[in-house]
Amino acid sequence: MVPLTDLAGDQAGLEAELRSLMAGYRHTLQTDRRHLLQQFDFADMARKVVGVGSVGTRCWIVLMLGRDDSDPLFLQVKDMTT
């Protein structure tokens, strides 16, 4: 995994794009799951190298925090548009 801060290029643009992907995902969730996800805020992200079946797919690991640093939620996000 490569943290966002170690990636070359437009880091702010990548973060904004990921936030947009996650917003779209949030709208696909059932109400109870959407409510759960809304309890967490974006904290950090890293690019992840994925296996053979996903070659060419941009994949990210997202760290989200709930009430404090001891309440993490990790999500894997795949951008299927590339």
PDB file of N, CA and C in Angstrom:
ATOM      1  N   MET A   1       0.840  -1.178   0.000  1.00  0.00           N
ATOM      2  CA  MET A   1       0.000   0.000   0.000  1.00  0.00           C
ATOM      3  C   MET A   1       0.888   1.245   0.000  1.00  0.00           C
ATOM      4  N   VAL A   2       0.402   2.277  -0.667  1.00  0.00           N
ATOM      5  CA  VAL A   2       1.131   3.544  -0.744  1.00  0.00           C
ATOM      6  C   VAL A   2       0.225   4.653  -0.209  1.00  0.00           C
ATOM      7  N   PRO A   3       0.617   5.301   0.884  1.00  0.00           N
ATOM      8  CA  PRO A   3      -0.208   6.382   1.430  1.00  0.00           C
ATOM      9  C   PRO A   3      -0.377   7.519   0.421  1.00  0.00           C
ATOM     10  N   LEU A   4      -1.486   8.205   0.525  1.00  0.00           N
ATOM     11  CA  LEU A   4      -1.762   9.330  -0.371  1.00  0.00           C
ATOM     12  C   LEU A   4      -0.626  10.340  -0.355  1.00  0.00           C
ATOM     13  N   THR A   5      -0.052  10.590   0.806  1.00  0.00           N
ATOM     14  CA  THR A   5       1.011  11.599   0.917  1.00  0.00           C
ATOM     15  C   THR A   5       2.277  11.197   0.161  1.00  0.00           C
ATOM     16  N   ASP A   6       2.437   9.913  -0.159  1.00  0.00           N
ATOM     17  CA  ASP A   6       3.616   9.446  -0.898  1.00  0.00           C
ATOM     18  C   ASP A   6       3.393   9.370  -2.402  1.00  0.00           C
ATOM     19  N   LEU A   7       2.180   9.627  -2.848  1.00  0.00           N
ATOM     20  CA  LEU A   7       1.884   9.550  -4.277  1.00  0.00           C
ATOM     21  C   LEU A   7       2.234  10.859  -4.967  1.00  0.00           C
ATOM     22  N   ALA A   8       2.779  10.737  -6.158  1.00  0.00           N
ATOM     23  CA  ALA A   8       3.071  11.929  -6.954  1.00  0.00           C
ATOM     24  C   ALA A   8       1.791  12.410  -7.602  1.00  0.00           C
ATOM     25  N   GLY A   9       1.769  13.655  -7.953  1.00  0.00           N
ATOM     26  CA  GLY A   9       0.612  14.187  -8.670  1.00  0.00           C
ATOM     27  C   GLY A   9      -0.326  14.967  -7.774  1.00  0.00           C
ATOM     28  N   ASP A  10      -1.546  15.068  -8.238  1.00  0.00           N
ATOM     29  CA  ASP A  10      -2.574  15.900  -7.604  1.00  0.00           C
ATOM     30  C   ASP A  10      -3.235  15.144  -6.455  1.00  0.00           C
ATOM     31  N   GLN A  11      -2.658  15.236  -5.271  1.00  0.00           N
ATOM     32  CA  GLN A  11      -3.199  14.525  -4.114  1.00  0.00           C
ATOM     33  C   GLN A  11      -4.576  15.051  -3.730  1.00  0.00           C
ATOM     34  N   ALA A  12      -4.759  16.347  -3.786  1.00  0.00           N
ATOM     35  CA  ALA A  12      -6.064  16.929  -3.452  1.00  0.00           C
ATOM     36  C   ALA A  12      -7.123  16.447  -4.434  1.00  0.00           C
ATOM     37  N   GLY A  13      -6.752  16.334  -5.693  1.00  0.00           N
ATOM     38  CA  GLY A  13      -7.688  15.846  -6.708  1.00  0.00           C
ATOM     39  C   GLY A  13      -8.066  14.396  -6.478  1.00  0.00           C
ATOM     40  N   LEU A  14      -7.073  13.567  -6.104  1.00  0.00           N
ATOM     41  CA  LEU A  14      -7.359  12.170  -5.804  1.00  0.00           C
ATOM     42  C   LEU A  14      -8.295  12.037  -4.608  1.00  0.00           C
ATOM     43  N   GLU A  15      -8.021  12.818  -3.587  1.00  0.00           N
ATOM     44  CA  GLU A  15      -8.875  12.764  -2.401  1.00  0.00           C
ATOM     45  C   GLU A  15     -10.293  13.211  -2.744  1.00  0.00           C
ATOM     46  N   ALA A  16     -10.424  14.263  -3.532  1.00  0.00           N
ATOM     47  CA  ALA A  16     -11.749  14.746  -3.925  1.00  0.00           C
ATOM     48  C   ALA A  16     -12.483  13.691  -4.756  1.00  0.00           C
ATOM     49  N   GLU A  17     -11.767  13.033  -5.647  1.00  0.00           N
ATOM     50  CA  GLU A  17     -12.371  11.989  -6.476  1.00  0.00           C
ATOM     51  C   GLU A  17     -12.848  10.829  -5.605  1.00  0.00           C
ATOM     52  N   LEU A  18     -12.034  10.448  -4.632  1.00  0.00           N
ATOM     53  CA  LEU A  18     -12.411   9.356  -3.751  1.00  0.00           C
ATOM     54  C   LEU A  18     -13.623   9.733  -2.905  1.00  0.00           C
ATOM     55  N   ARG A  19     -13.641  10.948  -2.422  1.00  0.00           N
ATOM     56  CA  ARG A  19     -14.801  11.406  -1.640  1.00  0.00           C
ATOM     57  C   ARG A  19     -16.072  11.349  -2.499  1.00  0.00           C
ATOM     58  N   SER A  20     -15.944  11.680  -3.767  1.00  0.00           N
ATOM     59  CA  SER A  20     -17.083  11.620  -4.676  1.00  0.00           C
ATOM     60  C   SER A  20     -17.540  10.170  -4.878  1.00  0.00           C
ATOM     61  N   LEU A  21     -16.591   9.260  -5.049  1.00  0.00           N
ATOM     62  CA  LEU A  21     -16.929   7.842  -5.186  1.00  0.00           C
ATOM     63  C   LEU A  21     -17.665   7.340  -3.943  1.00  0.00           C
ATOM     64  N   MET A  22     -17.172   7.741  -2.784  1.00  0.00           N
ATOM     65  CA  MET A  22     -17.784   7.288  -1.540  1.00  0.00           C
ATOM     66  C   MET A  22     -19.175   7.883  -1.351  1.00  0.00           C
ATOM     67  N   ALA A  23     -19.373   9.118  -1.777  1.00  0.00           N
ATOM     68  CA  ALA A  23     -20.693   9.729  -1.692  1.00  0.00           C
ATOM     69  C   ALA A  23     -21.683   8.961  -2.568  1.00  0.00           C
ATOM     70  N   GLY A  24     -21.241   8.580  -3.758  1.00  0.00           N
ATOM     71  CA  GLY A  24     -22.089   7.778  -4.634  1.00  0.00           C
ATOM     72  C   GLY A  24     -22.410   6.425  -4.030  1.00  0.00           C
ATOM     73  N   TYR A  25     -21.410   5.816  -3.420  1.00  0.00           N
ATOM     74  CA  TYR A  25     -21.612   4.529  -2.755  1.00  0.00           C
ATOM     75  C   TYR A  25     -22.605   4.662  -1.605  1.00  0.00           C
ATOM     76  N   ARG A  26     -22.456   5.713  -0.830  1.00  0.00           N
ATOM     77  CA  ARG A  26     -23.339   5.925   0.327  1.00  0.00           C
ATOM     78  C   ARG A  26     -24.808   5.927  -0.101  1.00  0.00           C
ATOM     79  N   HIS A  27     -25.095   6.512  -1.265  1.00  0.00           N
ATOM     80  CA  HIS A  27     -26.477   6.593  -1.740  1.00  0.00           C
ATOM     81  C   HIS A  27     -27.034   5.237  -2.163  1.00  0.00           C
ATOM     82  N   THR A  28     -26.178   4.250  -2.386  1.00  0.00           N
ATOM     83  CA  THR A  28     -26.649   2.922  -2.779  1.00  0.00           C
ATOM     84  C   THR A  28     -26.968   2.039  -1.574  1.00  0.00           C
ATOM     85  N   LEU A  29     -26.589   2.485  -0.381  1.00  0.00           N
ATOM     86  CA  LEU A  29     -26.771   1.668   0.810  1.00  0.00           C
ATOM     87  C   LEU A  29     -28.190   1.709   1.341  1.00  0.00           C
ATOM     88  N   GLN A  30     -28.564   0.618   2.005  1.00  0.00           N
ATOM     89  CA  GLN A  30     -29.831   0.613   2.724  1.00  0.00           C
ATOM     90  C   GLN A  30     -29.738   1.629   3.855  1.00  0.00           C
ATOM     91  N   THR A  31     -30.868   2.094   4.332  1.00  0.00           N
ATOM     92  CA  THR A  31     -30.927   3.181   5.309  1.00  0.00           C
ATOM     93  C   THR A  31     -30.083   2.917   6.548  1.00  0.00           C
ATOM     94  N   ASP A  32     -30.148   1.710   7.112  1.00  0.00           N
ATOM     95  CA  ASP A  32     -29.401   1.431   8.343  1.00  0.00           C
ATOM     96  C   ASP A  32     -27.900   1.479   8.115  1.00  0.00           C
ATOM     97  N   ARG A  33     -27.446   0.985   6.970  1.00  0.00           N
ATOM     98  CA  ARG A  33     -26.015   1.009   6.660  1.00  0.00           C
ATOM     99  C   ARG A  33     -25.543   2.423   6.327  1.00  0.00           C
ATOM    100  N   ARG A  34     -26.400   3.173   5.657  1.00  0.00           N
ATOM    101  CA  ARG A  34     -26.074   4.563   5.354  1.00  0.00           C
ATOM    102  C   ARG A  34     -25.920   5.364   6.646  1.00  0.00           C
ATOM    103  N   HIS A  35     -26.816   5.134   7.583  1.00  0.00           N
ATOM    104  CA  HIS A  35     -26.739   5.819   8.878  1.00  0.00           C
ATOM    105  C   HIS A  35     -25.435   5.461   9.598  1.00  0.00           C
ATOM    106  N   LEU A  36     -25.053   4.191   9.563  1.00  0.00           N
ATOM    107  CA  LEU A  36     -23.795   3.764  10.191  1.00  0.00           C
ATOM    108  C   LEU A  36     -22.604   4.465   9.545  1.00  0.00           C
ATOM    109  N   LEU A  37     -22.540   4.462   8.227  1.00  0.00           N
ATOM    110  CA  LEU A  37     -21.415   5.084   7.524  1.00  0.00           C
ATOM    111  C   LEU A  37     -21.337   6.588   7.805  1.00  0.00           C
ATOM    112  N   GLN A  38     -22.462   7.228   7.997  1.00  0.00           N
ATOM    113  CA  GLN A  38     -22.465   8.666   8.255  1.00  0.00           C
ATOM    114  C   GLN A  38     -21.881   9.018   9.619  1.00  0.00           C
ATOM    115  N   GLN A  39     -21.668   8.019  10.466  1.00  0.00           N
ATOM    116  CA  GLN A  39     -21.088   8.261  11.782  1.00  0.00           C
ATOM    117  C   GLN A  39     -19.561   8.387  11.719  1.00  0.00           C
ATOM    118  N   PHE A  40     -18.982   8.162  10.527  1.00  0.00           N
ATOM    119  CA  PHE A  40     -17.535   8.167  10.343  1.00  0.00           C
ATOM    120  C   PHE A  40     -17.121   9.281   9.392  1.00  0.00           C
ATOM    121  N   ASP A  41     -15.946   9.844   9.642  1.00  0.00           N
ATOM    122  CA  ASP A  41     -15.378  10.892   8.797  1.00  0.00           C
ATOM    123  C   ASP A  41     -14.083  10.409   8.158  1.00  0.00           C
ATOM    124  N   PHE A  42     -13.841  10.837   6.946  1.00  0.00           N
ATOM    125  CA  PHE A  42     -12.614  10.509   6.225  1.00  0.00           C
ATOM    126  C   PHE A  42     -11.401  10.974   7.025  1.00  0.00           C
ATOM    127  N   ALA A  43     -10.401  10.092   7.151  1.00  0.00           N
ATOM    128  CA  ALA A  43      -9.166  10.456   7.854  1.00  0.00           C
ATOM    129  C   ALA A  43      -7.944  10.351   6.938  1.00  0.00           C
ATOM    130  N   ASP A  44      -7.857   9.273   6.140  1.00  0.00           N
ATOM    131  CA  ASP A  44      -6.678   9.068   5.292  1.00  0.00           C
ATOM    132  C   ASP A  44      -7.006   8.006   4.265  1.00  0.00           C
ATOM    133  N   MET A  45      -6.124   7.882   3.279  1.00  0.00           N
ATOM    134  CA  MET A  45      -6.305   6.860   2.260  1.00  0.00           C
ATOM    135  C   MET A  45      -4.956   6.422   1.715  1.00  0.00           C
ATOM    136  N   ALA A  46      -4.940   5.228   1.136  1.00  0.00           N
ATOM    137  CA  ALA A  46      -3.726   4.692   0.528  1.00  0.00           C
ATOM    138  C   ALA A  46      -4.117   3.914  -0.725  1.00  0.00           C
ATOM    139  N   ARG A  47      -3.251   3.959  -1.725  1.00  0.00           N
ATOM    140  CA  ARG A  47      -3.474   3.154  -2.929  1.00  0.00           C
ATOM    141  C   ARG A  47      -3.054   1.729  -2.615  1.00  0.00           C
ATOM    142  N   LYS A  48      -3.826   0.783  -3.098  1.00  0.00           N
ATOM    143  CA  LYS A  48      -3.564  -0.629  -2.833  1.00  0.00           C
ATOM    144  C   LYS A  48      -3.355  -1.355  -4.157  1.00  0.00           C
ATOM    145  N   VAL A  49      -2.362  -2.206  -4.196  1.00  0.00           N
ATOM    146  CA  VAL A  49      -2.149  -3.057  -5.363  1.00  0.00           C
ATOM    147  C   VAL A  49      -3.046  -4.276  -5.184  1.00  0.00           C
ATOM    148  N   VAL A  50      -3.812  -4.577  -6.221  1.00  0.00           N
ATOM    149  CA  VAL A  50      -4.794  -5.653  -6.109  1.00  0.00           C
ATOM    150  C   VAL A  50      -4.383  -6.857  -6.933  1.00  0.00           C
ATOM    151  N   GLY A  51      -5.093  -7.952  -6.743  1.00  0.00           N
ATOM    152  CA  GLY A  51      -4.768  -9.229  -7.380  1.00  0.00           C
ATOM    153  C   GLY A  51      -5.095  -9.295  -8.857  1.00  0.00           C
ATOM    154  N   VAL A  52      -4.899 -10.460  -9.434  1.00  0.00           N
ATOM    155  CA  VAL A  52      -4.994 -10.695 -10.866  1.00  0.00           C
ATOM    156  C   VAL A  52      -6.347 -10.295 -11.450  1.00  0.00           C
ATOM    157  N   GLY A  53      -7.437 -10.612 -10.765  1.00  0.00           N
ATOM    158  CA  GLY A  53      -8.763 -10.326 -11.294  1.00  0.00           C
ATOM    159  C   GLY A  53      -9.089  -8.848 -11.369  1.00  0.00           C
ATOM    160  N   SER A  54      -8.324  -8.026 -10.693  1.00  0.00           N
ATOM    161  CA  SER A  54      -8.615  -6.589 -10.655  1.00  0.00           C
ATOM    162  C   SER A  54      -7.505  -5.749 -11.273  1.00  0.00           C
ATOM    163  N   VAL A  55      -6.640  -6.358 -12.057  1.00  0.00           N
ATOM    164  CA  VAL A  55      -5.548  -5.608 -12.673  1.00  0.00           C
ATOM    165  C   VAL A  55      -6.126  -4.485 -13.517  1.00  0.00           C
ATOM    166  N   GLY A  56      -5.594  -3.280 -13.351  1.00  0.00           N
ATOM    167  CA  GLY A  56      -6.073  -2.120 -14.092  1.00  0.00           C
ATOM    168  C   GLY A  56      -7.138  -1.338 -13.353  1.00  0.00           C
ATOM    169  N   THR A  57      -7.638  -1.896 -12.274  1.00  0.00           N
ATOM    170  CA  THR A  57      -8.640  -1.213 -11.461  1.00  0.00           C
ATOM    171  C   THR A  57      -7.940  -0.433 -10.368  1.00  0.00           C
ATOM    172  N   ARG A  58      -8.261   0.848 -10.246  1.00  0.00           N
ATOM    173  CA  ARG A  58      -7.690   1.614  -9.144  1.00  0.00           C
ATOM    174  C   ARG A  58      -8.378   1.182  -7.862  1.00  0.00           C
ATOM    175  N   CYS A  59      -7.571   0.881  -6.863  1.00  0.00           N
ATOM    176  CA  CYS A  59      -8.103   0.382  -5.610  1.00  0.00           C
ATOM    177  C   CYS A  59      -7.476   1.177  -4.467  1.00  0.00           C
ATOM    178  N   TRP A  60      -8.296   1.509  -3.483  1.00  0.00           N
ATOM    179  CA  TRP A  60      -7.864   2.325  -2.358  1.00  0.00           C
ATOM    180  C   TRP A  60      -8.312   1.692  -1.055  1.00  0.00           C
ATOM    181  N   ILE A  61      -7.562   1.917  -0.018  1.00  0.00           N
ATOM    182  CA  ILE A  61      -7.973   1.604   1.345  1.00  0.00           C
ATOM    183  C   ILE A  61      -8.224   2.951   2.015  1.00  0.00           C
ATOM    184  N   VAL A  62      -9.380   3.095   2.614  1.00  0.00           N
ATOM    185  CA  VAL A  62      -9.768   4.356   3.231  1.00  0.00           C
ATOM    186  C   VAL A  62      -9.904   4.153   4.739  1.00  0.00           C
ATOM    187  N   LEU A  63      -9.262   5.019   5.486  1.00  0.00           N
ATOM    188  CA  LEU A  63      -9.407   5.033   6.938  1.00  0.00           C
ATOM    189  C   LEU A  63     -10.414   6.107   7.291  1.00  0.00           C
ATOM    190  N   MET A  64     -11.448   5.690   8.004  1.00  0.00           N
ATOM    191  CA  MET A  64     -12.441   6.625   8.496  1.00  0.00           C
ATOM    192  C   MET A  64     -12.483   6.487  10.009  1.00  0.00           C
ATOM    193  N   LEU A  65     -12.733   7.597  10.679  1.00  0.00           N
ATOM    194  CA  LEU A  65     -12.774   7.587  12.137  1.00  0.00           C
ATOM    195  C   LEU A  65     -14.153   7.979  12.622  1.00  0.00           C
ATOM    196  N   GLY A  66     -14.595   7.280  13.668  1.00  0.00           N
ATOM    197  CA  GLY A  66     -15.889   7.560  14.275  1.00  0.00           C
ATOM    198  C   GLY A  66     -15.747   8.572  15.387  1.00  0.00           C
ATOM    199  N   ARG A  67     -16.116   8.182  16.574  1.00  0.00           N
ATOM    200  CA  ARG A  67     -16.127   9.131  17.698  1.00  0.00           C
ATOM    201  C   ARG A  67     -14.741   9.592  18.115  1.00  0.00           C
ATOM    202  N   ASP A  68     -13.676   8.774  17.852  1.00  0.00           N
ATOM    203  CA  ASP A  68     -12.299   9.162  18.166  1.00  0.00           C
ATOM    204  C   ASP A  68     -11.338   8.214  17.453  1.00  0.00           C
ATOM    205  N   ASP A  69     -10.034   8.350  17.732  1.00  0.00           N
ATOM    206  CA  ASP A  69      -9.019   7.528  17.058  1.00  0.00           C
ATOM    207  C   ASP A  69      -9.136   6.039  17.373  1.00  0.00           C
ATOM    208  N   SER A  70      -9.868   5.682  18.424  1.00  0.00           N
ATOM    209  CA  SER A  70     -10.016   4.268  18.771  1.00  0.00           C
ATOM    210  C   SER A  70     -11.269   3.663  18.134  1.00  0.00           C
ATOM    211  N   ASP A  71     -11.889   4.385  17.197  1.00  0.00           N
ATOM    212  CA  ASP A  71     -13.106   3.928  16.527  1.00  0.00           C
ATOM    213  C   ASP A  71     -12.907   3.989  15.008  1.00  0.00           C
ATOM    214  N   PRO A  72     -12.004   3.128  14.471  1.00  0.00           N
ATOM    215  CA  PRO A  72     -11.715   3.186  13.033  1.00  0.00           C
ATOM    216  C   PRO A  72     -12.670   2.334  12.201  1.00  0.00           C
ATOM    217  N   LEU A  73     -12.802   2.701  10.957  1.00  0.00           N
ATOM    218  CA  LEU A  73     -13.501   1.907   9.958  1.00  0.00           C
ATOM    219  C   LEU A  73     -12.618   1.930   8.716  1.00  0.00           C
ATOM    220  N   PHE A  74     -12.265   0.758   8.217  1.00  0.00           N
ATOM    221  CA  PHE A  74     -11.468   0.652   7.000  1.00  0.00           C
ATOM    222  C   PHE A  74     -12.374   0.172   5.880  1.00  0.00           C
ATOM    223  N   LEU A  75     -12.304   0.846   4.754  1.00  0.00           N
ATOM    224  CA  LEU A  75     -13.075   0.459   3.573  1.00  0.00           C
ATOM    225  C   LEU A  75     -12.143   0.273   2.397  1.00  0.00           C
ATOM    226  N   GLN A  76     -12.462  -0.697   1.557  1.00  0.00           N
ATOM    227  CA  GLN A  76     -11.749  -0.853   0.291  1.00  0.00           C
ATOM    228  C   GLN A  76     -12.639  -0.238  -0.776  1.00  0.00           C
ATOM    229  N   VAL A  77     -12.069   0.636  -1.586  1.00  0.00           N
ATOM    230  CA  VAL A  77     -12.814   1.316  -2.629  1.00  0.00           C
ATOM    231  C   VAL A  77     -12.165   0.988  -3.970  1.00  0.00           C
ATOM    232  N   LYS A  78     -12.968   0.479  -4.898  1.00  0.00           N
ATOM    233  CA  LYS A  78     -12.475   0.204  -6.241  1.00  0.00           C
ATOM    234  C   LYS A  78     -13.163   1.132  -7.214  1.00  0.00           C
ATOM    235  N   ASP A  79     -12.383   1.771  -8.047  1.00  0.00           N
ATOM    236  CA  ASP A  79     -12.926   2.642  -9.084  1.00  0.00           C
ATOM    237  C   ASP A  79     -13.095   1.787 -10.336  1.00  0.00           C
ATOM    238  N   MET A  80     -14.309   1.450 -10.634  1.00  0.00           N
ATOM    239  CA  MET A  80     -14.592   0.574 -11.776  1.00  0.00           C
ATOM    240  C   MET A  80     -14.754   1.343 -13.071  1.00  0.00           C
ATOM    241  N   THR A  81     -14.516   2.655 -13.055  1.00  0.00           N
ATOM    242  CA  THR A  81     -14.713   3.457 -14.265  1.00  0.00           C
ATOM    243  C   THR A  81     -13.478   3.515 -15.144  1.00  0.00           C
ATOM    244  N   THR A  82     -12.326   3.027 -14.659  1.00  0.00           N
ATOM    245  CA  THR A  82     -11.105   3.125 -15.470  1.00  0.00           C
ATOM    246  C   THR A  82     -10.915   1.920 -16.334  1.00  0.00           C
TER     247      THR A  82
END
